[in-house]
């Protein structure tokens, strides 16, 4: 019986970690952090390569990233539903 209790406790702990990882993966904190890093990297790259209006143009890749995070969850749900049938 003791072995079963330990197994259950280990599974519950694993589930907590998996849920925390999933929450992080879908959080707006993570999305905005990545978008900010993308923006800063794009500004630096564009500035070093002589682009004009690099502050404005750098919005394109970071905006594209944010847009993809908004459109991919519905696409994922559609794909999962289609795969089940």
N, C-alpha and C. Protein backbone atom coordinates (compact mmCIF):
# COMPACT_ATOMS: atom_id res chain seq x y z
N UNK A 1 0.83 -1.20 0.00
CA UNK A 1 0.00 0.00 0.00
C UNK A 1 0.87 1.26 0.00
N UNK A 2 1.98 1.22 0.72
CA UNK A 2 2.88 2.37 0.78
C UNK A 2 3.43 2.71 -0.61
N UNK A 3 3.73 1.68 -1.37
CA UNK A 3 4.24 1.89 -2.72
C UNK A 3 3.22 2.63 -3.59
N UNK A 4 1.98 2.29 -3.46
CA UNK A 4 0.92 2.93 -4.24
C UNK A 4 0.76 4.40 -3.84
N UNK A 5 0.86 4.71 -2.57
CA UNK A 5 0.76 6.10 -2.11
C UNK A 5 1.90 6.94 -2.67
N UNK A 6 3.09 6.36 -2.70
CA UNK A 6 4.24 7.08 -3.26
C UNK A 6 4.07 7.31 -4.76
N UNK A 7 3.53 6.31 -5.45
CA UNK A 7 3.30 6.45 -6.89
C UNK A 7 2.27 7.54 -7.17
N UNK A 8 1.21 7.57 -6.38
CA UNK A 8 0.17 8.58 -6.56
C UNK A 8 0.73 9.97 -6.28
N UNK A 9 1.52 10.10 -5.22
CA UNK A 9 2.13 11.39 -4.89
C UNK A 9 3.07 11.85 -6.00
N UNK A 10 3.83 10.92 -6.56
CA UNK A 10 4.74 11.26 -7.65
C UNK A 10 3.97 11.70 -8.90
N UNK A 11 2.88 11.02 -9.19
CA UNK A 11 2.04 11.41 -10.34
C UNK A 11 1.41 12.78 -10.13
N UNK A 12 0.95 13.04 -8.93
CA UNK A 12 0.34 14.34 -8.64
C UNK A 12 1.37 15.47 -8.78
N UNK A 13 2.59 15.21 -8.31
CA UNK A 13 3.65 16.21 -8.44
C UNK A 13 3.99 16.44 -9.91
N UNK A 14 4.06 15.38 -10.67
CA UNK A 14 4.32 15.50 -12.11
C UNK A 14 3.22 16.30 -12.79
N UNK A 15 1.97 16.02 -12.44
CA UNK A 15 0.85 16.75 -13.02
C UNK A 15 0.91 18.24 -12.70
N UNK A 16 1.33 18.58 -11.48
CA UNK A 16 1.48 19.99 -11.10
C UNK A 16 2.54 20.67 -11.97
N UNK A 17 3.66 19.97 -12.20
CA UNK A 17 4.73 20.53 -13.04
C UNK A 17 4.25 20.71 -14.48
N UNK A 18 3.55 19.71 -15.00
CA UNK A 18 3.05 19.79 -16.38
C UNK A 18 2.05 20.94 -16.51
N UNK A 19 1.17 21.10 -15.55
CA UNK A 19 0.19 22.19 -15.59
C UNK A 19 0.88 23.55 -15.52
N UNK A 20 1.92 23.66 -14.69
CA UNK A 20 2.66 24.92 -14.59
C UNK A 20 3.38 25.22 -15.91
N UNK A 21 3.98 24.21 -16.52
CA UNK A 21 4.64 24.39 -17.81
C UNK A 21 3.65 24.83 -18.88
N UNK A 22 2.49 24.22 -18.90
CA UNK A 22 1.45 24.57 -19.88
C UNK A 22 0.97 26.01 -19.66
N UNK A 23 0.80 26.39 -18.40
CA UNK A 23 0.37 27.76 -18.09
C UNK A 23 1.42 28.76 -18.57
N UNK A 24 2.69 28.45 -18.39
CA UNK A 24 3.76 29.33 -18.86
C UNK A 24 3.76 29.42 -20.38
N UNK A 25 3.61 28.30 -21.05
CA UNK A 25 3.64 28.27 -22.52
C UNK A 25 2.52 29.11 -23.13
N UNK A 26 1.39 29.22 -22.46
CA UNK A 26 0.26 29.96 -23.00
C UNK A 26 0.08 31.34 -22.37
N UNK A 27 0.99 31.75 -21.50
CA UNK A 27 0.82 33.01 -20.78
C UNK A 27 1.16 34.22 -21.65
N UNK A 28 0.47 35.31 -21.35
CA UNK A 28 0.76 36.57 -22.03
C UNK A 28 2.10 37.13 -21.60
N UNK A 29 2.56 36.82 -20.40
CA UNK A 29 3.88 37.26 -19.94
C UNK A 29 4.95 36.72 -20.88
N UNK A 30 4.87 35.43 -21.18
CA UNK A 30 5.84 34.80 -22.08
C UNK A 30 5.74 35.39 -23.48
N UNK A 31 4.52 35.54 -23.98
CA UNK A 31 4.33 36.08 -25.34
C UNK A 31 4.91 37.48 -25.47
N UNK A 32 4.61 38.35 -24.49
CA UNK A 32 5.11 39.72 -24.56
C UNK A 32 6.62 39.79 -24.38
N UNK A 33 7.18 38.92 -23.55
CA UNK A 33 8.63 38.88 -23.37
C UNK A 33 9.32 38.50 -24.68
N UNK A 34 8.81 37.47 -25.34
CA UNK A 34 9.40 37.03 -26.61
C UNK A 34 9.22 38.11 -27.67
N UNK A 35 8.05 38.73 -27.72
CA UNK A 35 7.82 39.80 -28.69
C UNK A 35 8.76 40.98 -28.45
N UNK A 36 9.00 41.31 -27.19
CA UNK A 36 9.92 42.41 -26.86
C UNK A 36 11.35 42.07 -27.28
N UNK A 37 11.78 40.85 -27.00
CA UNK A 37 13.12 40.43 -27.43
C UNK A 37 13.24 40.42 -28.96
N UNK A 38 12.19 39.98 -29.62
CA UNK A 38 12.18 39.97 -31.08
C UNK A 38 12.28 41.39 -31.62
N UNK A 39 11.52 42.30 -31.02
CA UNK A 39 11.54 43.71 -31.44
C UNK A 39 12.94 44.31 -31.25
N UNK A 40 13.52 44.10 -30.07
CA UNK A 40 14.84 44.66 -29.78
C UNK A 40 15.90 44.09 -30.73
N UNK A 41 15.83 42.80 -30.99
CA UNK A 41 16.78 42.18 -31.92
C UNK A 41 16.62 42.73 -33.33
N UNK A 42 15.38 42.90 -33.75
CA UNK A 42 15.12 43.43 -35.09
C UNK A 42 15.59 44.88 -35.21
N UNK A 43 15.36 45.69 -34.18
CA UNK A 43 15.82 47.08 -34.19
C UNK A 43 17.34 47.11 -34.30
N UNK A 44 18.02 46.31 -33.51
CA UNK A 44 19.48 46.28 -33.55
C UNK A 44 19.98 45.85 -34.93
N UNK A 45 19.42 44.77 -35.45
CA UNK A 45 19.82 44.28 -36.77
C UNK A 45 19.60 45.35 -37.84
N UNK A 46 18.44 45.98 -37.81
CA UNK A 46 18.12 46.98 -38.82
C UNK A 46 18.98 48.22 -38.68
N UNK A 47 19.26 48.61 -37.45
CA UNK A 47 20.11 49.78 -37.22
C UNK A 47 21.53 49.52 -37.73
N UNK A 48 22.06 48.34 -37.42
CA UNK A 48 23.42 48.00 -37.86
C UNK A 48 23.53 47.87 -39.37
N UNK A 49 22.43 47.59 -40.03
CA UNK A 49 22.44 47.42 -41.48
C UNK A 49 21.90 48.63 -42.24
N UNK A 50 21.72 49.74 -41.54
CA UNK A 50 21.37 50.99 -42.18
C UNK A 50 19.94 51.12 -42.67
N UNK A 51 19.03 50.39 -42.08
CA UNK A 51 17.62 50.52 -42.46
C UNK A 51 17.09 51.87 -42.00
N UNK A 52 16.16 52.41 -42.75
CA UNK A 52 15.48 53.62 -42.32
C UNK A 52 14.26 53.23 -41.48
N UNK A 53 13.93 54.07 -40.54
CA UNK A 53 12.76 53.87 -39.67
C UNK A 53 12.76 52.47 -39.04
N UNK A 54 13.90 52.08 -38.52
CA UNK A 54 14.02 50.74 -37.94
C UNK A 54 13.09 50.52 -36.75
N UNK A 55 12.81 51.59 -36.00
CA UNK A 55 11.90 51.43 -34.85
C UNK A 55 10.50 51.04 -35.30
N UNK A 56 10.08 51.57 -36.43
CA UNK A 56 8.77 51.24 -36.97
C UNK A 56 8.79 49.88 -37.67
N UNK A 57 9.81 49.66 -38.49
CA UNK A 57 9.89 48.41 -39.25
C UNK A 57 10.06 47.18 -38.36
N UNK A 58 10.67 47.36 -37.20
CA UNK A 58 10.88 46.23 -36.30
C UNK A 58 9.57 45.73 -35.69
N UNK A 59 8.51 46.51 -35.83
CA UNK A 59 7.21 46.05 -35.34
C UNK A 59 6.68 44.88 -36.16
N UNK A 60 7.13 44.76 -37.40
CA UNK A 60 6.61 43.71 -38.28
C UNK A 60 6.91 42.31 -37.74
N UNK A 61 8.16 41.95 -37.44
CA UNK A 61 8.39 40.59 -36.94
C UNK A 61 7.78 40.33 -35.56
N UNK A 62 7.84 41.33 -34.68
CA UNK A 62 7.26 41.10 -33.35
C UNK A 62 5.74 41.06 -33.42
N UNK A 63 5.15 41.88 -34.27
CA UNK A 63 3.70 41.81 -34.47
C UNK A 63 3.29 40.50 -35.10
N UNK A 64 4.09 40.02 -36.04
CA UNK A 64 3.82 38.73 -36.66
C UNK A 64 3.85 37.59 -35.66
N UNK A 65 4.82 37.66 -34.74
CA UNK A 65 4.88 36.64 -33.69
C UNK A 65 3.62 36.67 -32.84
N UNK A 66 3.23 37.86 -32.38
CA UNK A 66 2.03 37.96 -31.54
C UNK A 66 0.79 37.50 -32.29
N UNK A 67 0.69 37.86 -33.55
CA UNK A 67 -0.45 37.42 -34.35
C UNK A 67 -0.48 35.89 -34.46
N UNK A 68 0.69 35.29 -34.63
CA UNK A 68 0.72 33.83 -34.74
C UNK A 68 0.30 33.16 -33.44
N UNK A 69 0.59 33.78 -32.30
CA UNK A 69 0.18 33.17 -31.03
C UNK A 69 -1.32 33.28 -30.82
N UNK A 70 -1.95 34.24 -31.50
CA UNK A 70 -3.41 34.37 -31.39
C UNK A 70 -4.13 33.44 -32.35
N UNK A 71 -3.54 33.17 -33.50
CA UNK A 71 -4.22 32.36 -34.51
C UNK A 71 -3.92 30.88 -34.38
N UNK A 72 -2.81 30.51 -33.78
CA UNK A 72 -2.44 29.10 -33.71
C UNK A 72 -3.31 28.28 -32.76
N UNK A 73 -3.72 28.77 -31.59
CA UNK A 73 -4.58 27.93 -30.73
C UNK A 73 -5.87 27.47 -31.41
N UNK A 74 -6.60 28.35 -32.11
CA UNK A 74 -7.79 27.84 -32.81
C UNK A 74 -7.43 26.82 -33.91
N UNK A 75 -6.33 27.06 -34.59
CA UNK A 75 -5.89 26.12 -35.62
C UNK A 75 -5.55 24.77 -34.99
N UNK A 76 -4.91 24.81 -33.84
CA UNK A 76 -4.56 23.57 -33.13
C UNK A 76 -5.83 22.81 -32.74
N UNK A 77 -6.82 23.51 -32.22
CA UNK A 77 -8.07 22.85 -31.83
C UNK A 77 -8.76 22.23 -33.03
N UNK A 78 -8.78 22.94 -34.15
CA UNK A 78 -9.37 22.41 -35.38
C UNK A 78 -8.64 21.15 -35.81
N UNK A 79 -7.30 21.20 -35.78
CA UNK A 79 -6.49 20.06 -36.20
C UNK A 79 -6.72 18.85 -35.30
N UNK A 80 -6.78 19.07 -33.99
CA UNK A 80 -7.02 17.98 -33.05
C UNK A 80 -8.39 17.37 -33.29
N UNK A 81 -9.40 18.21 -33.47
CA UNK A 81 -10.75 17.71 -33.73
C UNK A 81 -10.83 16.92 -35.02
N UNK A 82 -10.16 17.40 -36.05
CA UNK A 82 -10.16 16.71 -37.33
C UNK A 82 -9.42 15.38 -37.24
N UNK A 83 -8.38 15.34 -36.46
CA UNK A 83 -7.57 14.12 -36.31
C UNK A 83 -8.33 13.03 -35.56
N UNK A 84 -9.18 13.42 -34.63
CA UNK A 84 -9.95 12.44 -33.84
C UNK A 84 -10.99 11.71 -34.68
N UNK A 85 -11.49 12.37 -35.71
CA UNK A 85 -12.54 11.75 -36.53
C UNK A 85 -11.98 10.82 -37.57
